[in-house]
């Protein structure tokens, strides 16, 4: 945190404290005069209790007023990092890298939207892409956020990541960011020849001509290939439409990229990126949009239940122990891979 940001945060904190104390003092004085000072003896004892109750209520109310007048933050940040999937399976494996689970990311964006203080959304993107529908779910959540939305590409904003960015008001990137890959891929390993060599035979039991199209143990027919390519083309048309709508480009301009990736500077020249800049530049842009001298950003992270956190911790310990044992054995000439 910079010195300017630290000073701003301290000023807000002191301001909130001053408002809370002022409301509390005013409530105590008024309730004391009404319930203690003026009433007769019988009411005085009751009045003291009322003063205490009013003071507690005023403390809470003052805190709420202070939070509304001088919120701790005004921008909500949500990160999309790693391959985009519907949901994470199991827990994170140390060294395996992050995964962007769409259900979790959408929930984080919705929490930011419901937060009364977060008047803008900063979507940090560092992803090579992933599954189509989960990517679109995140795009829709960002698009429905009630306030300015700015996507910020750090290292990579490709494929599904760019699909998501098309739902934001602006896309910022660094000069060295990798941006683009506006395309769709579907692939399947064909093991028919290998199966023949080892004596495996595919027995087809299916209802519907294309039910087993793309099965790895059967040779793909021309009809199968045309059918599956049609699905991919449909997804691609949707992708192009999203980019055309979100980035204000012509369909031919988007299709002419042929799913290439570009460095930030070239992407900006092509209209794929709105601006280049650092994180500080993005925050300055958000401050201008919100009409404040500077913004304070709150990161909305995924909610992890205690049992899941515990399992994750156990998994990390087991992994570290296994890695240590493997390292000792490897020193004697053995090597273990999983």
C-alpha atoms as a PDB file:
ATOM      1  CA  UNK A   1       0.000   0.000   0.000  1.00  0.00           C
ATOM      2  CA  UNK A   2       1.391   3.389  -1.003  1.00  0.00           C
ATOM      3  CA  UNK A   3       1.807   6.285   1.409  1.00  0.00           C
ATOM      4  CA  UNK A   4      -1.088   8.139  -0.243  1.00  0.00           C
ATOM      5  CA  UNK A   5      -3.366   5.111  -0.011  1.00  0.00           C
ATOM      6  CA  UNK A   6      -2.340   4.534   3.623  1.00  0.00           C
ATOM      7  CA  UNK A   7      -3.136   8.143   4.472  1.00  0.00           C
ATOM      8  CA  UNK A   8      -6.508   7.831   2.749  1.00  0.00           C
ATOM      9  CA  UNK A   9      -7.373   4.649   4.625  1.00  0.00           C
ATOM     10  CA  UNK A  10      -6.348   6.201   7.960  1.00  0.00           C
ATOM     11  CA  UNK A  11      -8.433   9.285   7.235  1.00  0.00           C
ATOM     12  CA  UNK A  12     -11.500   7.167   6.511  1.00  0.00           C
ATOM     13  CA  UNK A  13     -10.975   5.090   9.650  1.00  0.00           C
ATOM     14  CA  UNK A  14     -10.673   8.180  11.852  1.00  0.00           C
ATOM     15  CA  UNK A  15     -13.711   9.700  10.153  1.00  0.00           C
ATOM     16  CA  UNK A  16     -15.815   6.593  10.805  1.00  0.00           C
ATOM     17  CA  UNK A  17     -14.691   6.564  14.448  1.00  0.00           C
ATOM     18  CA  UNK A  18     -15.588  10.242  14.866  1.00  0.00           C
ATOM     19  CA  UNK A  19     -19.075   9.724  13.401  1.00  0.00           C
ATOM     20  CA  UNK A  20     -19.716   6.642  15.563  1.00  0.00           C
ATOM     21  CA  UNK A  21     -18.608   8.397  18.768  1.00  0.00           C
ATOM     22  CA  UNK A  22     -20.672  11.504  17.911  1.00  0.00           C
ATOM     23  CA  UNK A  23     -23.852   9.483  17.367  1.00  0.00           C
ATOM     24  CA  UNK A  24     -23.239   7.539  20.561  1.00  0.00           C
ATOM     25  CA  UNK A  25     -22.631  10.706  22.612  1.00  0.00           C
ATOM     26  CA  UNK A  26     -25.741  12.402  21.264  1.00  0.00           C
ATOM     27  CA  UNK A  27     -27.920   9.349  21.954  1.00  0.00           C
ATOM     28  CA  UNK A  28     -26.617   8.986  25.530  1.00  0.00           C
ATOM     29  CA  UNK A  29     -27.158  12.681  26.317  1.00  0.00           C
ATOM     30  CA  UNK A  30     -30.696  12.745  24.939  1.00  0.00           C
ATOM     31  CA  UNK A  31     -31.717   9.471  26.592  1.00  0.00           C
ATOM     32  CA  UNK A  32     -30.191  10.591  29.930  1.00  0.00           C
ATOM     33  CA  UNK A  33     -32.149  13.845  29.898  1.00  0.00           C
ATOM     34  CA  UNK A  34     -35.391  12.120  28.893  1.00  0.00           C
ATOM     35  CA  UNK A  35     -35.238   9.036  31.098  1.00  0.00           C
ATOM     36  CA  UNK A  36     -33.020   9.989  34.053  1.00  0.00           C
ATOM     37  CA  UNK A  37     -32.782  13.722  34.620  1.00  0.00           C
ATOM     38  CA  UNK A  38     -36.455  14.708  34.353  1.00  0.00           C
ATOM     39  CA  UNK A  39     -38.360  11.623  35.688  1.00  0.00           C
ATOM     40  CA  UNK A  40     -39.138  11.019  39.385  1.00  0.00           C
ATOM     41  CA  UNK A  41     -37.458   8.402  41.600  1.00  0.00           C
ATOM     42  CA  UNK A  42     -39.371   5.378  40.303  1.00  0.00           C
ATOM     43  CA  UNK A  43     -38.454   6.100  36.734  1.00  0.00           C
ATOM     44  CA  UNK A  44     -34.797   6.808  37.414  1.00  0.00           C
ATOM     45  CA  UNK A  45     -33.782   3.196  37.881  1.00  0.00           C
ATOM     46  CA  UNK A  46     -35.678   2.167  34.787  1.00  0.00           C
ATOM     47  CA  UNK A  47     -34.194   5.153  32.991  1.00  0.00           C
ATOM     48  CA  UNK A  48     -30.649   3.993  33.598  1.00  0.00           C
ATOM     49  CA  UNK A  49     -31.453   0.691  31.904  1.00  0.00           C
ATOM     50  CA  UNK A  50     -33.052   2.504  28.987  1.00  0.00           C
ATOM     51  CA  UNK A  51     -29.953   4.672  28.609  1.00  0.00           C
ATOM     52  CA  UNK A  52     -27.795   1.558  28.348  1.00  0.00           C
ATOM     53  CA  UNK A  53     -30.110  -0.005  25.746  1.00  0.00           C
ATOM     54  CA  UNK A  54     -30.245   3.213  23.730  1.00  0.00           C
ATOM     55  CA  UNK A  55     -26.459   3.548  23.914  1.00  0.00           C
ATOM     56  CA  UNK A  56     -25.931   0.041  22.533  1.00  0.00           C
ATOM     57  CA  UNK A  57     -28.430   0.659  19.749  1.00  0.00           C
ATOM     58  CA  UNK A  58     -26.861   4.024  18.983  1.00  0.00           C
ATOM     59  CA  UNK A  59     -23.425   2.476  18.805  1.00  0.00           C
ATOM     60  CA  UNK A  60     -24.619   0.041  16.155  1.00  0.00           C
ATOM     61  CA  UNK A  61     -26.560   2.714  14.285  1.00  0.00           C
ATOM     62  CA  UNK A  62     -23.610   5.090  14.419  1.00  0.00           C
ATOM     63  CA  UNK A  63     -21.351   2.404  13.045  1.00  0.00           C
ATOM     64  CA  UNK A  64     -23.776   1.812  10.151  1.00  0.00           C
ATOM     65  CA  UNK A  65     -24.031   5.541   9.436  1.00  0.00           C
ATOM     66  CA  UNK A  66     -20.258   5.878   9.529  1.00  0.00           C
ATOM     67  CA  UNK A  67     -19.867   2.891   7.196  1.00  0.00           C
ATOM     68  CA  UNK A  68     -22.289   4.454   4.715  1.00  0.00           C
ATOM     69  CA  UNK A  69     -20.761   7.931   4.922  1.00  0.00           C
ATOM     70  CA  UNK A  70     -17.128   6.779   4.860  1.00  0.00           C
ATOM     71  CA  UNK A  71     -16.994   3.184   3.577  1.00  0.00           C
ATOM     72  CA  UNK A  72     -13.836   1.133   4.021  1.00  0.00           C
ATOM     73  CA  UNK A  73     -13.765   0.398   0.276  1.00  0.00           C
ATOM     74  CA  UNK A  74     -15.467   1.507  -2.898  1.00  0.00           C
ATOM     75  CA  UNK A  75     -14.259  -1.112  -5.415  1.00  0.00           C
ATOM     76  CA  UNK A  76     -14.738  -4.862  -5.273  1.00  0.00           C
ATOM     77  CA  UNK A  77     -12.061  -7.063  -6.848  1.00  0.00           C
ATOM     78  CA  UNK A  78     -12.576 -10.627  -8.070  1.00  0.00           C
ATOM     79  CA  UNK A  79      -9.784 -12.729  -9.593  1.00  0.00           C
ATOM     80  CA  UNK A  80     -10.121 -15.255 -12.418  1.00  0.00           C
ATOM     81  CA  UNK A  81      -6.861 -17.196 -12.372  1.00  0.00           C
ATOM     82  CA  UNK A  82      -6.062 -20.505 -14.037  1.00  0.00           C
ATOM     83  CA  UNK A  83      -8.068 -22.742 -16.392  1.00  0.00           C
ATOM     84  CA  UNK A  84     -11.809 -22.053 -16.245  1.00  0.00           C
ATOM     85  CA  UNK A  85     -13.958 -24.986 -15.128  1.00  0.00           C
ATOM     86  CA  UNK A  86     -17.444 -25.405 -13.716  1.00  0.00           C
ATOM     87  CA  UNK A  87     -16.285 -26.357 -10.230  1.00  0.00           C
ATOM     88  CA  UNK A  88     -13.077 -27.551  -8.660  1.00  0.00           C
ATOM     89  CA  UNK A  89     -12.859 -31.294  -7.964  1.00  0.00           C
ATOM     90  CA  UNK A  90     -11.370 -32.218  -4.623  1.00  0.00           C
ATOM     91  CA  UNK A  91      -8.946 -29.667  -3.239  1.00  0.00           C
ATOM     92  CA  UNK A  92      -5.946 -27.786  -4.542  1.00  0.00           C
ATOM     93  CA  UNK A  93      -2.793 -29.860  -5.034  1.00  0.00           C
ATOM     94  CA  UNK A  94       0.358 -27.957  -4.023  1.00  0.00           C
ATOM     95  CA  UNK A  95       2.303 -26.963  -7.093  1.00  0.00           C
ATOM     96  CA  UNK A  96      -0.668 -27.732  -9.340  1.00  0.00           C
ATOM     97  CA  UNK A  97      -1.510 -24.094  -9.990  1.00  0.00           C
ATOM     98  CA  UNK A  98      -4.790 -22.232  -9.504  1.00  0.00           C
ATOM     99  CA  UNK A  99      -8.118 -23.158 -11.063  1.00  0.00           C
ATOM    100  CA  UNK A 100     -10.906 -20.695 -11.851  1.00  0.00           C
ATOM    101  CA  UNK A 101     -14.089 -22.461 -10.717  1.00  0.00           C
ATOM    102  CA  UNK A 102     -16.940 -20.550 -12.378  1.00  0.00           C
ATOM    103  CA  UNK A 103     -19.525 -21.266  -9.671  1.00  0.00           C
ATOM    104  CA  UNK A 104     -17.195 -19.765  -7.062  1.00  0.00           C
ATOM    105  CA  UNK A 105     -16.236 -16.750  -9.190  1.00  0.00           C
ATOM    106  CA  UNK A 106     -19.891 -15.958  -9.929  1.00  0.00           C
ATOM    107  CA  UNK A 107     -20.664 -16.145  -6.206  1.00  0.00           C
ATOM    108  CA  UNK A 108     -17.821 -13.721  -5.460  1.00  0.00           C
ATOM    109  CA  UNK A 109     -19.065 -11.242  -8.063  1.00  0.00           C
ATOM    110  CA  UNK A 110     -22.594 -11.473  -6.661  1.00  0.00           C
ATOM    111  CA  UNK A 111     -21.291 -10.800  -3.141  1.00  0.00           C
ATOM    112  CA  UNK A 112     -19.445  -7.746  -4.440  1.00  0.00           C
ATOM    113  CA  UNK A 113     -22.633  -6.588  -6.166  1.00  0.00           C
ATOM    114  CA  UNK A 114     -24.640  -6.973  -2.946  1.00  0.00           C
ATOM    115  CA  UNK A 115     -21.997  -5.116  -0.927  1.00  0.00           C
ATOM    116  CA  UNK A 116     -23.278  -1.604  -0.378  1.00  0.00           C
ATOM    117  CA  UNK A 117     -19.799  -0.086  -0.466  1.00  0.00           C
ATOM    118  CA  UNK A 118     -18.499  -1.696  -3.686  1.00  0.00           C
ATOM    119  CA  UNK A 119     -19.633   0.757  -6.362  1.00  0.00           C
ATOM    120  CA  UNK A 120     -17.381  -0.669  -9.085  1.00  0.00           C
ATOM    121  CA  UNK A 121     -15.980  -4.077 -10.035  1.00  0.00           C
ATOM    122  CA  UNK A 122     -12.349  -4.824 -10.890  1.00  0.00           C
ATOM    123  CA  UNK A 123     -12.042  -8.226 -12.578  1.00  0.00           C
ATOM    124  CA  UNK A 124      -8.434  -9.442 -12.549  1.00  0.00           C
ATOM    125  CA  UNK A 125      -7.816 -11.913 -15.376  1.00  0.00           C
ATOM    126  CA  UNK A 126      -4.916 -14.320 -15.695  1.00  0.00           C
ATOM    127  CA  UNK A 127      -6.272 -17.347 -17.524  1.00  0.00           C
ATOM    128  CA  UNK A 128      -5.630 -19.299 -20.740  1.00  0.00           C
ATOM    129  CA  UNK A 129      -9.360 -20.026 -21.051  1.00  0.00           C
ATOM    130  CA  UNK A 130     -11.383 -23.135 -20.411  1.00  0.00           C
ATOM    131  CA  UNK A 131     -14.920 -24.463 -20.675  1.00  0.00           C
ATOM    132  CA  UNK A 132     -17.409 -22.467 -22.731  1.00  0.00           C
ATOM    133  CA  UNK A 133     -20.522 -22.262 -20.566  1.00  0.00           C
ATOM    134  CA  UNK A 134     -18.661 -21.597 -17.274  1.00  0.00           C
ATOM    135  CA  UNK A 135     -16.798 -18.764 -19.033  1.00  0.00           C
ATOM    136  CA  UNK A 136     -20.092 -17.312 -20.183  1.00  0.00           C
ATOM    137  CA  UNK A 137     -21.542 -17.566 -16.668  1.00  0.00           C
ATOM    138  CA  UNK A 138     -18.716 -15.382 -15.350  1.00  0.00           C
ATOM    139  CA  UNK A 139     -19.196 -12.947 -18.242  1.00  0.00           C
ATOM    140  CA  UNK A 140     -22.903 -12.615 -17.446  1.00  0.00           C
ATOM    141  CA  UNK A 141     -22.210 -12.051 -13.730  1.00  0.00           C
ATOM    142  CA  UNK A 142     -19.756  -9.265 -14.549  1.00  0.00           C
ATOM    143  CA  UNK A 143     -22.151  -7.761 -17.088  1.00  0.00           C
ATOM    144  CA  UNK A 144     -24.984  -7.695 -14.521  1.00  0.00           C
ATOM    145  CA  UNK A 145     -22.899  -5.954 -11.845  1.00  0.00           C
ATOM    146  CA  UNK A 146     -24.597  -2.711 -10.847  1.00  0.00           C
ATOM    147  CA  UNK A 147     -21.791  -0.247 -11.528  1.00  0.00           C
ATOM    148  CA  UNK A 148     -18.697   0.270 -13.685  1.00  0.00           C
ATOM    149  CA  UNK A 149     -16.809  -2.934 -14.503  1.00  0.00           C
ATOM    150  CA  UNK A 150     -13.169  -2.970 -15.570  1.00  0.00           C
ATOM    151  CA  UNK A 151     -11.284  -6.118 -16.569  1.00  0.00           C
ATOM    152  CA  UNK A 152      -7.529  -6.069 -16.023  1.00  0.00           C
ATOM    153  CA  UNK A 153      -5.359  -8.625 -17.824  1.00  0.00           C
ATOM    154  CA  UNK A 154      -2.108  -9.417 -16.048  1.00  0.00           C
ATOM    155  CA  UNK A 155      -0.103 -12.179 -17.779  1.00  0.00           C
ATOM    156  CA  UNK A 156      -2.688 -13.910 -19.986  1.00  0.00           C
ATOM    157  CA  UNK A 157      -6.235 -13.113 -21.067  1.00  0.00           C
ATOM    158  CA  UNK A 158      -6.924 -15.681 -23.744  1.00  0.00           C
ATOM    159  CA  UNK A 159      -9.895 -17.601 -25.110  1.00  0.00           C
ATOM    160  CA  UNK A 160     -12.385 -18.023 -22.217  1.00  0.00           C
ATOM    161  CA  UNK A 161     -10.657 -15.190 -20.375  1.00  0.00           C
ATOM    162  CA  UNK A 162     -11.290 -12.875 -23.329  1.00  0.00           C
ATOM    163  CA  UNK A 163     -14.861 -14.190 -23.516  1.00  0.00           C
ATOM    164  CA  UNK A 164     -15.296 -12.986 -19.910  1.00  0.00           C
ATOM    165  CA  UNK A 165     -13.643  -9.623 -20.600  1.00  0.00           C
ATOM    166  CA  UNK A 166     -16.175  -8.943 -23.362  1.00  0.00           C
ATOM    167  CA  UNK A 167     -18.805  -8.519 -20.649  1.00  0.00           C
ATOM    168  CA  UNK A 168     -16.945  -5.672 -18.914  1.00  0.00           C
ATOM    169  CA  UNK A 169     -17.091  -1.963 -19.712  1.00  0.00           C
ATOM    170  CA  UNK A 170     -13.341  -1.779 -20.347  1.00  0.00           C
ATOM    171  CA  UNK A 171     -10.386  -4.108 -20.762  1.00  0.00           C
ATOM    172  CA  UNK A 172      -6.952  -2.990 -19.590  1.00  0.00           C
ATOM    173  CA  UNK A 173      -3.721  -4.910 -20.120  1.00  0.00           C
ATOM    174  CA  UNK A 174       0.025  -4.586 -19.783  1.00  0.00           C
ATOM    175  CA  UNK A 175       2.288  -4.206 -22.806  1.00  0.00           C
ATOM    176  CA  UNK A 176       3.552  -7.746 -22.240  1.00  0.00           C
ATOM    177  CA  UNK A 177       0.137  -9.293 -21.617  1.00  0.00           C
ATOM    178  CA  UNK A 178      -0.963 -12.071 -23.981  1.00  0.00           C
ATOM    179  CA  UNK A 179      -4.461 -11.303 -25.237  1.00  0.00           C
ATOM    180  CA  UNK A 180      -6.862 -12.875 -27.715  1.00  0.00           C
ATOM    181  CA  UNK A 181      -7.242 -16.465 -28.922  1.00  0.00           C
ATOM    182  CA  UNK A 182     -10.816 -15.800 -30.009  1.00  0.00           C
ATOM    183  CA  UNK A 183     -11.542 -19.348 -31.088  1.00  0.00           C
ATOM    184  CA  UNK A 184     -12.969 -22.679 -29.971  1.00  0.00           C
ATOM    185  CA  UNK A 185     -11.324 -26.108 -29.952  1.00  0.00           C
ATOM    186  CA  UNK A 186     -12.701 -29.574 -29.402  1.00  0.00           C
ATOM    187  CA  UNK A 187     -10.456 -32.596 -29.549  1.00  0.00           C
ATOM    188  CA  UNK A 188     -10.552 -36.291 -28.825  1.00  0.00           C
ATOM    189  CA  UNK A 189      -7.750 -38.865 -28.897  1.00  0.00           C
ATOM    190  CA  UNK A 190      -8.481 -41.594 -31.445  1.00  0.00           C
ATOM    191  CA  UNK A 191      -7.204 -44.907 -30.082  1.00  0.00           C
ATOM    192  CA  UNK A 192      -8.716 -47.134 -32.766  1.00  0.00           C
ATOM    193  CA  UNK A 193      -5.385 -48.264 -34.204  1.00  0.00           C
ATOM    194  CA  UNK A 194      -3.934 -48.932 -30.758  1.00  0.00           C
ATOM    195  CA  UNK A 195      -7.044 -50.899 -29.783  1.00  0.00           C
ATOM    196  CA  UNK A 196      -6.680 -53.052 -32.900  1.00  0.00           C
ATOM    197  CA  UNK A 197      -3.052 -53.811 -32.017  1.00  0.00           C
ATOM    198  CA  UNK A 198      -3.854 -54.995 -28.494  1.00  0.00           C
ATOM    199  CA  UNK A 199      -6.961 -56.886 -29.532  1.00  0.00           C
ATOM    200  CA  UNK A 200      -9.672 -54.509 -28.282  1.00  0.00           C
ATOM    201  CA  UNK A 201     -12.820 -54.188 -30.347  1.00  0.00           C
ATOM    202  CA  UNK A 202     -15.484 -51.497 -30.127  1.00  0.00           C
ATOM    203  CA  UNK A 203     -19.023 -52.894 -29.922  1.00  0.00           C
ATOM    204  CA  UNK A 204     -21.580 -50.204 -30.692  1.00  0.00           C
ATOM    205  CA  UNK A 205     -24.794 -50.246 -28.688  1.00  0.00           C
ATOM    206  CA  UNK A 206     -26.436 -46.842 -29.120  1.00  0.00           C
ATOM    207  CA  UNK A 207     -29.739 -45.244 -30.038  1.00  0.00           C
ATOM    208  CA  UNK A 208     -29.291 -42.273 -32.344  1.00  0.00           C
ATOM    209  CA  UNK A 209     -26.891 -42.026 -35.249  1.00  0.00           C
ATOM    210  CA  UNK A 210     -24.556 -39.503 -33.633  1.00  0.00           C
ATOM    211  CA  UNK A 211     -24.724 -40.724 -30.013  1.00  0.00           C
ATOM    212  CA  UNK A 212     -21.193 -42.137 -30.144  1.00  0.00           C
ATOM    213  CA  UNK A 213     -19.669 -39.527 -32.452  1.00  0.00           C
ATOM    214  CA  UNK A 214     -16.100 -38.913 -31.329  1.00  0.00           C
ATOM    215  CA  UNK A 215     -15.750 -42.066 -29.248  1.00  0.00           C
ATOM    216  CA  UNK A 216     -12.007 -42.825 -28.996  1.00  0.00           C
ATOM    217  CA  UNK A 217     -12.247 -46.539 -29.871  1.00  0.00           C
ATOM    218  CA  UNK A 218     -14.060 -46.077 -33.186  1.00  0.00           C
ATOM    219  CA  UNK A 219     -12.898 -44.515 -36.411  1.00  0.00           C
ATOM    220  CA  UNK A 220     -14.517 -41.102 -36.909  1.00  0.00           C
ATOM    221  CA  UNK A 221     -16.649 -40.946 -40.028  1.00  0.00           C
ATOM    222  CA  UNK A 222     -17.022 -37.901 -42.274  1.00  0.00           C
ATOM    223  CA  UNK A 223     -20.565 -37.431 -40.962  1.00  0.00           C
ATOM    224  CA  UNK A 224     -19.319 -37.565 -37.366  1.00  0.00           C
ATOM    225  CA  UNK A 225     -16.635 -35.005 -38.140  1.00  0.00           C
ATOM    226  CA  UNK A 226     -19.105 -32.685 -39.842  1.00  0.00           C
ATOM    227  CA  UNK A 227     -21.560 -33.001 -36.943  1.00  0.00           C
ATOM    228  CA  UNK A 228     -18.951 -32.211 -34.259  1.00  0.00           C
ATOM    229  CA  UNK A 229     -17.452 -29.390 -36.317  1.00  0.00           C
ATOM    230  CA  UNK A 230     -20.932 -27.874 -36.523  1.00  0.00           C
ATOM    231  CA  UNK A 231     -21.108 -27.714 -32.718  1.00  0.00           C
ATOM    232  CA  UNK A 232     -17.702 -26.031 -32.549  1.00  0.00           C
ATOM    233  CA  UNK A 233     -18.725 -23.555 -35.255  1.00  0.00           C
ATOM    234  CA  UNK A 234     -21.829 -22.693 -33.238  1.00  0.00           C
ATOM    235  CA  UNK A 235     -19.756 -21.954 -30.163  1.00  0.00           C
ATOM    236  CA  UNK A 236     -17.399 -19.869 -32.304  1.00  0.00           C
ATOM    237  CA  UNK A 237     -20.272 -17.804 -33.708  1.00  0.00           C
ATOM    238  CA  UNK A 238     -21.410 -17.107 -30.130  1.00  0.00           C
ATOM    239  CA  UNK A 239     -17.863 -16.075 -29.165  1.00  0.00           C
ATOM    240  CA  UNK A 240     -17.621 -13.665 -32.089  1.00  0.00           C
ATOM    241  CA  UNK A 241     -21.013 -12.171 -31.218  1.00  0.00           C
ATOM    242  CA  UNK A 242     -19.934 -11.581 -27.609  1.00  0.00           C
ATOM    243  CA  UNK A 243     -16.746  -9.807 -28.688  1.00  0.00           C
ATOM    244  CA  UNK A 244     -18.513  -7.724 -31.348  1.00  0.00           C
ATOM    245  CA  UNK A 245     -21.060  -6.578 -28.773  1.00  0.00           C
ATOM    246  CA  UNK A 246     -18.607  -6.001 -25.926  1.00  0.00           C
ATOM    247  CA  UNK A 247     -15.667  -4.444 -27.801  1.00  0.00           C
ATOM    248  CA  UNK A 248     -17.624  -2.570 -30.488  1.00  0.00           C
ATOM    249  CA  UNK A 249     -15.830  -4.325 -33.358  1.00  0.00           C
ATOM    250  CA  UNK A 250     -17.016  -5.603 -36.714  1.00  0.00           C
ATOM    251  CA  UNK A 251     -17.510  -9.397 -37.077  1.00  0.00           C
ATOM    252  CA  UNK A 252     -14.948  -9.517 -39.898  1.00  0.00           C
ATOM    253  CA  UNK A 253     -12.340  -7.849 -37.666  1.00  0.00           C
ATOM    254  CA  UNK A 254     -12.858 -10.488 -35.003  1.00  0.00           C
ATOM    255  CA  UNK A 255     -12.860 -13.445 -37.395  1.00  0.00           C
ATOM    256  CA  UNK A 256      -9.739 -12.165 -39.158  1.00  0.00           C
ATOM    257  CA  UNK A 257      -7.746 -12.719 -35.971  1.00  0.00           C
ATOM    258  CA  UNK A 258      -8.028 -16.465 -36.679  1.00  0.00           C
ATOM    259  CA  UNK A 259      -7.720 -17.166 -32.941  1.00  0.00           C
ATOM    260  CA  UNK A 260      -4.243 -15.599 -32.757  1.00  0.00           C
ATOM    261  CA  UNK A 261      -2.872 -14.161 -29.546  1.00  0.00           C
ATOM    262  CA  UNK A 262      -1.334 -10.689 -29.397  1.00  0.00           C
ATOM    263  CA  UNK A 263       0.849  -8.712 -27.050  1.00  0.00           C
ATOM    264  CA  UNK A 264      -0.859  -5.860 -25.254  1.00  0.00           C
ATOM    265  CA  UNK A 265       0.319  -3.035 -27.515  1.00  0.00           C
ATOM    266  CA  UNK A 266      -0.805  -4.716 -30.737  1.00  0.00           C
ATOM    267  CA  UNK A 267      -4.061  -5.815 -29.097  1.00  0.00           C
ATOM    268  CA  UNK A 268      -4.788  -2.200 -28.185  1.00  0.00           C
ATOM    269  CA  UNK A 269      -4.064  -1.030 -31.733  1.00  0.00           C
ATOM    270  CA  UNK A 270      -6.523  -3.628 -33.030  1.00  0.00           C
ATOM    271  CA  UNK A 271      -9.219  -2.579 -30.587  1.00  0.00           C
ATOM    272  CA  UNK A 272      -9.086  -5.820 -28.618  1.00  0.00           C
ATOM    273  CA  UNK A 273      -7.875  -3.865 -25.553  1.00  0.00           C
ATOM    274  CA  UNK A 274      -9.093  -0.420 -24.503  1.00  0.00           C
ATOM    275  CA  UNK A 275      -6.079   0.827 -22.550  1.00  0.00           C
ATOM    276  CA  UNK A 276      -2.596  -0.212 -21.449  1.00  0.00           C
ATOM    277  CA  UNK A 277      -1.394   0.494 -17.939  1.00  0.00           C
ATOM    278  CA  UNK A 278      -0.417  -0.731 -14.523  1.00  0.00           C
ATOM    279  CA  UNK A 279      -2.687  -1.668 -11.659  1.00  0.00           C
ATOM    280  CA  UNK A 280      -2.271   1.884 -10.318  1.00  0.00           C
ATOM    281  CA  UNK A 281      -3.458   3.273 -13.665  1.00  0.00           C
ATOM    282  CA  UNK A 282      -6.566   1.094 -13.507  1.00  0.00           C
ATOM    283  CA  UNK A 283      -7.356   2.279  -9.986  1.00  0.00           C
ATOM    284  CA  UNK A 284      -6.909   5.890 -11.103  1.00  0.00           C
ATOM    285  CA  UNK A 285      -9.399   5.272 -13.920  1.00  0.00           C
ATOM    286  CA  UNK A 286     -11.898   3.796 -11.448  1.00  0.00           C
ATOM    287  CA  UNK A 287     -11.421   6.769  -9.115  1.00  0.00           C
ATOM    288  CA  UNK A 288     -12.248   9.112 -11.987  1.00  0.00           C
ATOM    289  CA  UNK A 289     -15.335   7.090 -12.881  1.00  0.00           C
ATOM    290  CA  UNK A 290     -16.550   7.153  -9.279  1.00  0.00           C
ATOM    291  CA  UNK A 291     -15.660  10.817  -8.778  1.00  0.00           C
ATOM    292  CA  UNK A 292     -13.319  10.280  -5.824  1.00  0.00           C
ATOM    293  CA  UNK A 293      -9.655  11.241  -5.312  1.00  0.00           C
ATOM    294  CA  UNK A 294      -8.644   7.596  -4.933  1.00  0.00           C
ATOM    295  CA  UNK A 295     -10.259   4.210  -4.489  1.00  0.00           C
ATOM    296  CA  UNK A 296      -9.881   1.544  -1.854  1.00  0.00           C
ATOM    297  CA  UNK A 297     -10.181  -1.991  -3.206  1.00  0.00           C
ATOM    298  CA  UNK A 298     -11.576  -4.984  -1.330  1.00  0.00           C
ATOM    299  CA  UNK A 299     -10.816  -8.431  -2.737  1.00  0.00           C
ATOM    300  CA  UNK A 300     -13.743 -10.842  -2.632  1.00  0.00           C
ATOM    301  CA  UNK A 301     -12.304 -14.314  -2.277  1.00  0.00           C
ATOM    302  CA  UNK A 302     -14.018 -17.677  -2.433  1.00  0.00           C
ATOM    303  CA  UNK A 303     -15.792 -18.861   0.689  1.00  0.00           C
ATOM    304  CA  UNK A 304     -14.112 -22.059   1.834  1.00  0.00           C
ATOM    305  CA  UNK A 305     -15.905 -24.136   4.504  1.00  0.00           C
ATOM    306  CA  UNK A 306     -13.806 -25.211   7.496  1.00  0.00           C
ATOM    307  CA  UNK A 307     -13.842 -28.957   6.586  1.00  0.00           C
ATOM    308  CA  UNK A 308     -12.538 -28.153   3.102  1.00  0.00           C
ATOM    309  CA  UNK A 309      -9.779 -25.956   4.531  1.00  0.00           C
ATOM    310  CA  UNK A 310      -8.837 -28.754   6.917  1.00  0.00           C
ATOM    311  CA  UNK A 311      -8.715 -31.339   4.112  1.00  0.00           C
ATOM    312  CA  UNK A 312      -6.617 -28.973   2.039  1.00  0.00           C
ATOM    313  CA  UNK A 313      -4.167 -28.550   4.913  1.00  0.00           C
ATOM    314  CA  UNK A 314      -3.879 -32.307   5.396  1.00  0.00           C
ATOM    315  CA  UNK A 315      -3.344 -32.747   1.665  1.00  0.00           C
ATOM    316  CA  UNK A 316      -0.535 -30.185   1.687  1.00  0.00           C
ATOM    317  CA  UNK A 317       1.163 -31.888   4.628  1.00  0.00           C
ATOM    318  CA  UNK A 318       0.906 -35.297   2.950  1.00  0.00           C
ATOM    319  CA  UNK A 319       2.266 -33.866  -0.290  1.00  0.00           C
ATOM    320  CA  UNK A 320       5.188 -32.209   1.477  1.00  0.00           C
ATOM    321  CA  UNK A 321       5.994 -35.417   3.365  1.00  0.00           C
ATOM    322  CA  UNK A 322       5.871 -37.490   0.169  1.00  0.00           C
ATOM    323  CA  UNK A 323       8.035 -34.996  -1.672  1.00  0.00           C
ATOM    324  CA  UNK A 324      10.587 -35.110   1.132  1.00  0.00           C
ATOM    325  CA  UNK A 325      10.781 -38.914   1.103  1.00  0.00           C
ATOM    326  CA  UNK A 326      11.050 -38.932  -2.681  1.00  0.00           C
ATOM    327  CA  UNK A 327      13.872 -36.422  -2.496  1.00  0.00           C
ATOM    328  CA  UNK A 328      15.849 -38.634  -0.108  1.00  0.00           C
ATOM    329  CA  UNK A 329      15.370 -41.705  -2.302  1.00  0.00           C
ATOM    330  CA  UNK A 330      16.223 -39.734  -5.439  1.00  0.00           C
ATOM    331  CA  UNK A 331      19.586 -38.893  -3.953  1.00  0.00           C
ATOM    332  CA  UNK A 332      20.379 -42.600  -4.074  1.00  0.00           C
ATOM    333  CA  UNK A 333      19.647 -42.779  -7.797  1.00  0.00           C
ATOM    334  CA  UNK A 334      15.856 -43.417  -7.658  1.00  0.00           C
ATOM    335  CA  UNK A 335      13.267 -41.113  -9.160  1.00  0.00           C
ATOM    336  CA  UNK A 336       9.543 -41.209  -8.518  1.00  0.00           C
ATOM    337  CA  UNK A 337       6.925 -39.558 -10.786  1.00  0.00           C
ATOM    338  CA  UNK A 338       3.168 -39.382 -10.429  1.00  0.00           C
END
